[in-house]
N, C-alpha and C. Protein backbone atom coordinates (compact mmCIF):
# COMPACT_ATOMS: atom_id res chain seq x y z
N MET A 1 -22.84 -15.28 -4.03
CA MET A 1 -21.71 -14.42 -3.81
C MET A 1 -21.26 -13.81 -5.10
N ARG A 2 -20.55 -12.72 -4.99
CA ARG A 2 -20.03 -12.03 -6.14
C ARG A 2 -18.56 -11.69 -5.84
N PHE A 3 -17.64 -12.02 -6.76
CA PHE A 3 -16.27 -11.68 -6.59
C PHE A 3 -16.08 -10.19 -6.83
N LEU A 4 -15.63 -9.45 -5.84
CA LEU A 4 -15.56 -8.00 -5.91
C LEU A 4 -14.17 -7.46 -6.29
N HIS A 5 -13.20 -7.79 -5.46
CA HIS A 5 -11.85 -7.28 -5.76
C HIS A 5 -10.76 -8.04 -5.04
N THR A 6 -9.53 -7.89 -5.51
CA THR A 6 -8.36 -8.41 -4.79
C THR A 6 -7.51 -7.20 -4.41
N MET A 7 -7.06 -7.15 -3.17
CA MET A 7 -6.28 -6.02 -2.66
C MET A 7 -4.80 -6.36 -2.63
N LEU A 8 -3.99 -5.44 -3.10
CA LEU A 8 -2.54 -5.58 -3.02
C LEU A 8 -1.95 -4.32 -2.37
N ARG A 9 -1.02 -4.55 -1.46
CA ARG A 9 -0.32 -3.43 -0.83
C ARG A 9 0.86 -3.02 -1.78
N VAL A 10 1.00 -1.72 -1.98
CA VAL A 10 2.02 -1.28 -2.88
C VAL A 10 2.89 -0.21 -2.23
N GLY A 11 4.12 -0.11 -2.66
CA GLY A 11 5.09 0.83 -2.09
C GLY A 11 5.07 2.20 -2.73
N ASN A 12 4.48 2.29 -3.94
CA ASN A 12 4.39 3.58 -4.65
C ASN A 12 3.10 3.52 -5.48
N LEU A 13 2.10 4.26 -5.03
CA LEU A 13 0.80 4.15 -5.62
C LEU A 13 0.78 4.56 -7.08
N GLN A 14 1.41 5.72 -7.40
CA GLN A 14 1.39 6.17 -8.80
C GLN A 14 2.10 5.20 -9.73
N ARG A 15 3.21 4.65 -9.28
CA ARG A 15 3.90 3.64 -10.11
C ARG A 15 3.02 2.44 -10.39
N SER A 16 2.29 1.98 -9.38
CA SER A 16 1.41 0.85 -9.58
C SER A 16 0.21 1.19 -10.48
N ILE A 17 -0.38 2.38 -10.29
CA ILE A 17 -1.49 2.82 -11.14
C ILE A 17 -0.98 2.86 -12.61
N ASP A 18 0.19 3.40 -12.82
CA ASP A 18 0.76 3.46 -14.16
C ASP A 18 0.90 2.07 -14.77
N PHE A 19 1.36 1.10 -14.02
CA PHE A 19 1.52 -0.24 -14.52
C PHE A 19 0.19 -0.86 -14.91
N TYR A 20 -0.79 -0.76 -13.99
CA TYR A 20 -2.08 -1.43 -14.28
C TYR A 20 -2.81 -0.74 -15.43
N THR A 21 -2.66 0.58 -15.56
CA THR A 21 -3.38 1.29 -16.60
C THR A 21 -2.59 1.30 -17.93
N GLN A 22 -1.32 1.58 -17.86
CA GLN A 22 -0.53 1.68 -19.08
C GLN A 22 -0.02 0.36 -19.60
N VAL A 23 0.32 -0.57 -18.74
CA VAL A 23 0.86 -1.86 -19.16
C VAL A 23 -0.25 -2.86 -19.38
N LEU A 24 -1.20 -2.93 -18.44
CA LEU A 24 -2.26 -3.92 -18.53
C LEU A 24 -3.55 -3.41 -19.15
N GLY A 25 -3.64 -2.07 -19.35
CA GLY A 25 -4.83 -1.55 -19.99
C GLY A 25 -6.07 -1.38 -19.15
N MET A 26 -5.89 -1.45 -17.80
CA MET A 26 -7.04 -1.27 -16.91
C MET A 26 -7.42 0.22 -16.86
N GLN A 27 -8.62 0.50 -16.36
CA GLN A 27 -9.05 1.87 -16.11
C GLN A 27 -8.89 2.17 -14.63
N LEU A 28 -8.47 3.37 -14.29
CA LEU A 28 -8.49 3.82 -12.92
C LEU A 28 -9.94 4.23 -12.65
N LEU A 29 -10.59 3.49 -11.77
CA LEU A 29 -12.04 3.64 -11.53
C LEU A 29 -12.34 4.66 -10.46
N ARG A 30 -11.56 4.63 -9.36
CA ARG A 30 -11.78 5.59 -8.27
C ARG A 30 -10.61 5.53 -7.33
N THR A 31 -10.45 6.62 -6.55
CA THR A 31 -9.41 6.68 -5.55
C THR A 31 -10.03 7.28 -4.27
N SER A 32 -9.35 7.01 -3.17
CA SER A 32 -9.78 7.63 -1.92
C SER A 32 -8.56 7.78 -1.00
N GLU A 33 -8.66 8.77 -0.14
CA GLU A 33 -7.61 9.07 0.85
C GLU A 33 -8.22 8.96 2.22
N ASN A 34 -7.44 8.41 3.16
CA ASN A 34 -7.88 8.36 4.55
C ASN A 34 -6.76 8.90 5.42
N PRO A 35 -6.69 10.21 5.60
CA PRO A 35 -5.60 10.82 6.38
C PRO A 35 -5.58 10.35 7.83
N GLU A 36 -6.72 10.12 8.44
CA GLU A 36 -6.75 9.69 9.84
C GLU A 36 -6.01 8.40 10.04
N TYR A 37 -6.18 7.47 9.10
CA TYR A 37 -5.52 6.15 9.25
C TYR A 37 -4.32 5.99 8.29
N LYS A 38 -3.96 7.06 7.58
CA LYS A 38 -2.74 7.15 6.77
C LYS A 38 -2.66 6.10 5.71
N TYR A 39 -3.70 6.04 4.85
CA TYR A 39 -3.64 5.13 3.70
C TYR A 39 -4.40 5.78 2.51
N SER A 40 -4.00 5.35 1.31
CA SER A 40 -4.67 5.78 0.09
C SER A 40 -5.07 4.53 -0.69
N LEU A 41 -6.20 4.61 -1.39
CA LEU A 41 -6.65 3.48 -2.18
C LEU A 41 -6.86 3.90 -3.63
N ALA A 42 -6.62 2.94 -4.52
CA ALA A 42 -6.96 3.15 -5.94
C ALA A 42 -7.56 1.84 -6.40
N PHE A 43 -8.74 1.93 -7.08
CA PHE A 43 -9.41 0.76 -7.63
C PHE A 43 -9.30 0.79 -9.11
N LEU A 44 -8.88 -0.32 -9.69
CA LEU A 44 -8.69 -0.43 -11.14
C LEU A 44 -9.41 -1.66 -11.66
N GLY A 45 -9.83 -1.58 -12.93
CA GLY A 45 -10.49 -2.74 -13.51
C GLY A 45 -10.73 -2.53 -14.96
N PHE A 46 -11.46 -3.47 -15.52
CA PHE A 46 -11.81 -3.43 -16.95
C PHE A 46 -13.30 -3.13 -17.07
N GLU A 47 -13.74 -2.54 -18.17
CA GLU A 47 -15.15 -2.34 -18.50
C GLU A 47 -15.93 -1.74 -17.36
N GLY A 48 -15.35 -0.78 -16.67
CA GLY A 48 -16.04 -0.10 -15.61
C GLY A 48 -16.08 -0.81 -14.23
N GLY A 49 -15.42 -1.97 -14.21
CA GLY A 49 -15.33 -2.68 -12.94
C GLY A 49 -16.62 -3.27 -12.42
N ASN A 50 -16.84 -3.15 -11.10
CA ASN A 50 -18.06 -3.71 -10.49
C ASN A 50 -19.30 -2.96 -10.98
N PRO A 51 -20.42 -3.67 -11.15
CA PRO A 51 -20.62 -5.04 -10.71
C PRO A 51 -20.28 -6.07 -11.84
N GLY A 52 -19.98 -5.57 -13.07
CA GLY A 52 -19.77 -6.57 -14.16
C GLY A 52 -18.46 -7.26 -14.11
N GLN A 53 -17.42 -6.67 -13.52
CA GLN A 53 -16.11 -7.26 -13.46
C GLN A 53 -15.50 -7.02 -12.07
N ALA A 54 -14.71 -7.96 -11.61
CA ALA A 54 -13.95 -7.77 -10.36
C ALA A 54 -12.85 -6.71 -10.58
N GLU A 55 -12.39 -6.13 -9.50
CA GLU A 55 -11.45 -5.07 -9.55
C GLU A 55 -10.16 -5.41 -8.77
N ILE A 56 -9.14 -4.61 -8.93
CA ILE A 56 -7.94 -4.65 -8.11
C ILE A 56 -7.93 -3.42 -7.24
N GLU A 57 -7.78 -3.60 -5.96
CA GLU A 57 -7.65 -2.49 -5.02
C GLU A 57 -6.19 -2.38 -4.65
N LEU A 58 -5.60 -1.26 -4.97
CA LEU A 58 -4.19 -0.96 -4.57
C LEU A 58 -4.25 -0.13 -3.31
N THR A 59 -3.55 -0.60 -2.27
CA THR A 59 -3.54 0.10 -1.00
C THR A 59 -2.11 0.61 -0.75
N TYR A 60 -2.00 1.91 -0.54
CA TYR A 60 -0.72 2.48 -0.17
C TYR A 60 -0.81 2.95 1.27
N ASN A 61 -0.08 2.29 2.15
CA ASN A 61 0.04 2.71 3.55
C ASN A 61 1.16 3.71 3.63
N TRP A 62 0.83 4.92 3.99
CA TRP A 62 1.74 6.04 3.92
C TRP A 62 3.03 5.73 4.62
N GLY A 63 4.17 5.97 3.92
CA GLY A 63 5.50 5.77 4.47
C GLY A 63 6.07 4.38 4.31
N VAL A 64 5.27 3.44 3.81
CA VAL A 64 5.76 2.10 3.61
C VAL A 64 6.13 1.96 2.12
N GLU A 65 7.40 1.77 1.81
CA GLU A 65 7.85 1.74 0.42
C GLU A 65 8.01 0.37 -0.12
N ALA A 66 8.07 -0.67 0.68
CA ALA A 66 8.30 -2.00 0.17
C ALA A 66 7.71 -3.02 1.16
N TYR A 67 7.30 -4.16 0.63
CA TYR A 67 6.80 -5.29 1.40
C TYR A 67 7.54 -6.54 0.97
N ASP A 68 7.67 -7.46 1.86
CA ASP A 68 8.14 -8.80 1.52
C ASP A 68 7.05 -9.38 0.66
N MET A 69 7.37 -10.20 -0.33
CA MET A 69 6.37 -10.79 -1.17
C MET A 69 5.33 -11.57 -0.38
N GLY A 70 5.77 -12.17 0.71
CA GLY A 70 4.79 -12.90 1.54
C GLY A 70 3.69 -12.04 2.17
N THR A 71 3.98 -10.77 2.35
CA THR A 71 3.00 -9.86 2.97
C THR A 71 2.29 -8.96 1.98
N ALA A 72 2.66 -9.05 0.70
CA ALA A 72 2.06 -8.17 -0.32
C ALA A 72 0.60 -8.54 -0.52
N TYR A 73 0.24 -9.78 -0.47
CA TYR A 73 -1.14 -10.20 -0.65
C TYR A 73 -1.99 -9.69 0.48
N GLY A 74 -3.19 -9.14 0.17
CA GLY A 74 -4.04 -8.62 1.17
C GLY A 74 -5.27 -9.51 1.42
N HIS A 75 -6.20 -9.54 0.51
CA HIS A 75 -7.40 -10.31 0.70
C HIS A 75 -8.22 -10.43 -0.60
N ILE A 76 -9.14 -11.35 -0.59
CA ILE A 76 -10.12 -11.48 -1.64
C ILE A 76 -11.42 -10.94 -1.04
N ALA A 77 -12.21 -10.21 -1.77
CA ALA A 77 -13.46 -9.66 -1.23
C ALA A 77 -14.67 -10.33 -1.89
N LEU A 78 -15.67 -10.58 -1.09
CA LEU A 78 -16.91 -11.17 -1.58
C LEU A 78 -18.07 -10.30 -1.09
N GLY A 79 -18.99 -10.01 -1.97
CA GLY A 79 -20.18 -9.28 -1.59
C GLY A 79 -21.24 -10.16 -0.99
N VAL A 80 -21.83 -9.74 0.11
CA VAL A 80 -22.86 -10.50 0.82
C VAL A 80 -24.00 -9.51 1.13
N PRO A 81 -25.26 -10.00 1.16
CA PRO A 81 -26.36 -9.11 1.48
C PRO A 81 -26.40 -8.72 2.94
N ASP A 82 -25.84 -9.57 3.85
CA ASP A 82 -25.94 -9.31 5.29
C ASP A 82 -24.63 -9.89 5.91
N ALA A 83 -23.66 -9.04 6.23
CA ALA A 83 -22.37 -9.52 6.76
C ALA A 83 -22.53 -10.14 8.14
N TYR A 84 -23.45 -9.64 8.94
CA TYR A 84 -23.66 -10.19 10.27
C TYR A 84 -24.19 -11.66 10.16
N ALA A 85 -25.17 -11.89 9.32
CA ALA A 85 -25.70 -13.22 9.13
C ALA A 85 -24.69 -14.14 8.48
N ALA A 86 -23.90 -13.60 7.55
CA ALA A 86 -22.86 -14.45 6.89
C ALA A 86 -21.86 -14.92 7.95
N CYS A 87 -21.41 -14.02 8.87
CA CYS A 87 -20.49 -14.45 9.90
C CYS A 87 -21.07 -15.59 10.76
N GLU A 88 -22.33 -15.46 11.13
CA GLU A 88 -22.95 -16.47 11.91
C GLU A 88 -22.97 -17.81 11.19
N LYS A 89 -23.34 -17.77 9.90
CA LYS A 89 -23.36 -18.99 9.10
C LYS A 89 -21.96 -19.61 8.97
N ILE A 90 -20.94 -18.78 8.81
CA ILE A 90 -19.58 -19.24 8.67
C ILE A 90 -19.14 -19.93 9.97
N LYS A 91 -19.42 -19.28 11.09
CA LYS A 91 -19.03 -19.86 12.37
C LYS A 91 -19.75 -21.18 12.67
N ALA A 92 -21.02 -21.22 12.29
CA ALA A 92 -21.83 -22.42 12.49
C ALA A 92 -21.28 -23.60 11.65
N ALA A 93 -20.65 -23.28 10.56
CA ALA A 93 -20.08 -24.28 9.67
C ALA A 93 -18.64 -24.64 10.05
N GLY A 94 -18.13 -24.02 11.13
CA GLY A 94 -16.77 -24.29 11.59
C GLY A 94 -15.74 -23.38 11.02
N GLY A 95 -16.14 -22.30 10.37
CA GLY A 95 -15.20 -21.36 9.78
C GLY A 95 -14.62 -20.40 10.84
N ASN A 96 -13.55 -19.72 10.48
CA ASN A 96 -12.82 -18.84 11.39
C ASN A 96 -13.12 -17.41 11.02
N VAL A 97 -13.95 -16.72 11.79
CA VAL A 97 -14.20 -15.27 11.63
C VAL A 97 -13.16 -14.55 12.42
N THR A 98 -12.32 -13.77 11.74
CA THR A 98 -11.23 -13.06 12.41
C THR A 98 -11.52 -11.64 12.73
N ARG A 99 -12.57 -11.11 12.05
CA ARG A 99 -13.02 -9.74 12.38
C ARG A 99 -14.52 -9.76 12.20
N GLU A 100 -15.22 -9.58 13.31
CA GLU A 100 -16.69 -9.62 13.27
C GLU A 100 -17.24 -8.48 12.37
N ALA A 101 -18.42 -8.69 11.91
CA ALA A 101 -19.09 -7.64 11.06
C ALA A 101 -19.25 -6.34 11.79
N GLY A 102 -18.96 -5.25 11.08
CA GLY A 102 -19.09 -3.92 11.61
C GLY A 102 -18.57 -2.90 10.65
N PRO A 103 -18.71 -1.62 10.93
CA PRO A 103 -18.23 -0.58 10.01
C PRO A 103 -16.73 -0.57 9.87
N VAL A 104 -16.26 -0.31 8.66
CA VAL A 104 -14.83 -0.20 8.35
C VAL A 104 -14.29 1.03 9.08
N LYS A 105 -12.99 0.95 9.46
CA LYS A 105 -12.36 2.10 10.11
C LYS A 105 -12.44 3.30 9.18
N GLY A 106 -12.87 4.44 9.65
CA GLY A 106 -12.94 5.65 8.84
C GLY A 106 -14.11 5.67 7.87
N GLY A 107 -15.11 4.77 7.98
CA GLY A 107 -16.19 4.76 7.03
C GLY A 107 -17.45 4.11 7.66
N SER A 108 -18.42 3.85 6.79
CA SER A 108 -19.66 3.26 7.27
C SER A 108 -19.98 1.92 6.62
N THR A 109 -19.21 1.52 5.64
CA THR A 109 -19.47 0.23 5.01
C THR A 109 -19.30 -0.87 6.01
N VAL A 110 -20.19 -1.80 6.06
CA VAL A 110 -20.13 -2.95 6.99
C VAL A 110 -19.28 -4.07 6.35
N ILE A 111 -18.21 -4.47 7.05
CA ILE A 111 -17.33 -5.52 6.56
C ILE A 111 -17.06 -6.51 7.67
N ALA A 112 -16.52 -7.66 7.28
CA ALA A 112 -16.03 -8.66 8.23
C ALA A 112 -14.90 -9.40 7.50
N PHE A 113 -14.09 -10.13 8.25
CA PHE A 113 -13.03 -10.92 7.69
C PHE A 113 -13.15 -12.36 8.19
N VAL A 114 -12.85 -13.27 7.28
CA VAL A 114 -12.73 -14.69 7.63
C VAL A 114 -11.39 -15.16 7.07
N THR A 115 -10.90 -16.24 7.63
CA THR A 115 -9.61 -16.78 7.18
C THR A 115 -9.85 -18.18 6.68
N ASP A 116 -9.28 -18.50 5.51
CA ASP A 116 -9.43 -19.86 4.97
C ASP A 116 -8.44 -20.79 5.66
N PRO A 117 -8.47 -22.08 5.40
CA PRO A 117 -7.59 -23.02 6.08
C PRO A 117 -6.12 -22.77 5.89
N ASP A 118 -5.72 -22.04 4.83
CA ASP A 118 -4.33 -21.77 4.58
C ASP A 118 -3.93 -20.38 5.17
N GLY A 119 -4.85 -19.73 5.78
CA GLY A 119 -4.54 -18.41 6.36
C GLY A 119 -4.84 -17.24 5.48
N TYR A 120 -5.33 -17.42 4.26
CA TYR A 120 -5.67 -16.29 3.39
C TYR A 120 -6.89 -15.59 3.89
N LYS A 121 -6.85 -14.26 3.84
CA LYS A 121 -7.94 -13.45 4.31
C LYS A 121 -9.00 -13.26 3.22
N ILE A 122 -10.25 -13.34 3.62
CA ILE A 122 -11.38 -13.09 2.73
C ILE A 122 -12.28 -12.06 3.44
N GLU A 123 -12.48 -10.94 2.73
CA GLU A 123 -13.31 -9.88 3.29
C GLU A 123 -14.72 -10.07 2.80
N LEU A 124 -15.67 -9.94 3.70
CA LEU A 124 -17.10 -9.92 3.38
C LEU A 124 -17.58 -8.49 3.42
N ILE A 125 -18.12 -8.00 2.36
CA ILE A 125 -18.61 -6.62 2.26
C ILE A 125 -20.12 -6.64 2.12
N GLN A 126 -20.78 -6.04 3.04
CA GLN A 126 -22.27 -6.00 2.98
C GLN A 126 -22.65 -5.03 1.83
N ARG A 127 -23.40 -5.58 0.87
CA ARG A 127 -23.80 -4.83 -0.33
C ARG A 127 -25.22 -5.15 -0.69
N LYS A 128 -25.99 -4.15 -1.04
CA LYS A 128 -27.38 -4.35 -1.43
C LYS A 128 -27.49 -5.19 -2.68
N ASP A 129 -26.48 -5.12 -3.57
CA ASP A 129 -26.59 -5.81 -4.86
C ASP A 129 -26.12 -7.27 -4.78
N ALA A 130 -25.67 -7.72 -3.61
CA ALA A 130 -25.26 -9.13 -3.46
C ALA A 130 -26.51 -10.00 -3.58
N GLN A 131 -26.39 -11.07 -4.25
CA GLN A 131 -27.58 -11.94 -4.52
C GLN A 131 -27.95 -12.72 -3.29
N ALA A 132 -29.10 -12.40 -2.74
CA ALA A 132 -29.55 -13.05 -1.52
C ALA A 132 -29.81 -14.50 -1.70
N GLY A 133 -30.06 -14.96 -2.91
CA GLY A 133 -30.45 -16.37 -3.12
C GLY A 133 -29.23 -17.29 -3.28
N GLN A 134 -28.04 -16.78 -3.28
CA GLN A 134 -26.87 -17.63 -3.53
C GLN A 134 -25.82 -17.43 -2.44
N GLY A 135 -25.08 -18.48 -2.17
CA GLY A 135 -23.95 -18.40 -1.25
C GLY A 135 -24.38 -18.01 0.18
N LEU A 136 -23.59 -17.19 0.79
CA LEU A 136 -23.84 -16.73 2.19
C LEU A 136 -25.00 -15.75 2.18
N ARG A 137 -25.96 -15.99 3.00
CA ARG A 137 -27.07 -15.06 3.10
C ARG A 137 -27.58 -15.02 4.50
C-alpha cells in the first residue's frame, strides 16, 4: 500500500490554500472543479507530492461555509493495484466495505471505501503505481 492523501472539507478554499502554502510552506499541486456535483478540489504537498510524499486534499462543497469539527475529517486514501480485488479481500477478512469499487462520480478513476472499527473512512484508489506485492492486492 501507499499512503496517498488526507482529505479535509473546508469552508473557504482560497483561505485554506493560503494557509497550507503560506503558513506551512506546501505547494499547490493541482486543482479541479466539478460543476455537476458542485465541489472544488485542491491538492497540496511537499516536494511535488505523490508518489514521493502524501498530499492533503482540500474539498470545498459549494455553498457550505463551515463544518462541525466532528465532520471536517473526510478520509485517508490508499493506493491499490486492483480496487475490486481489494474489496473482496477486505470483506473476506471481516472488513466493512461501505462503497463497492467503481468509477468516482464525475470521473473514471476506480475507487472504493471501507470503514475502520472506529468509523473512519478509508478510500481505496486503483492506481497502476500501487505495489502489487504488498498489502491489498
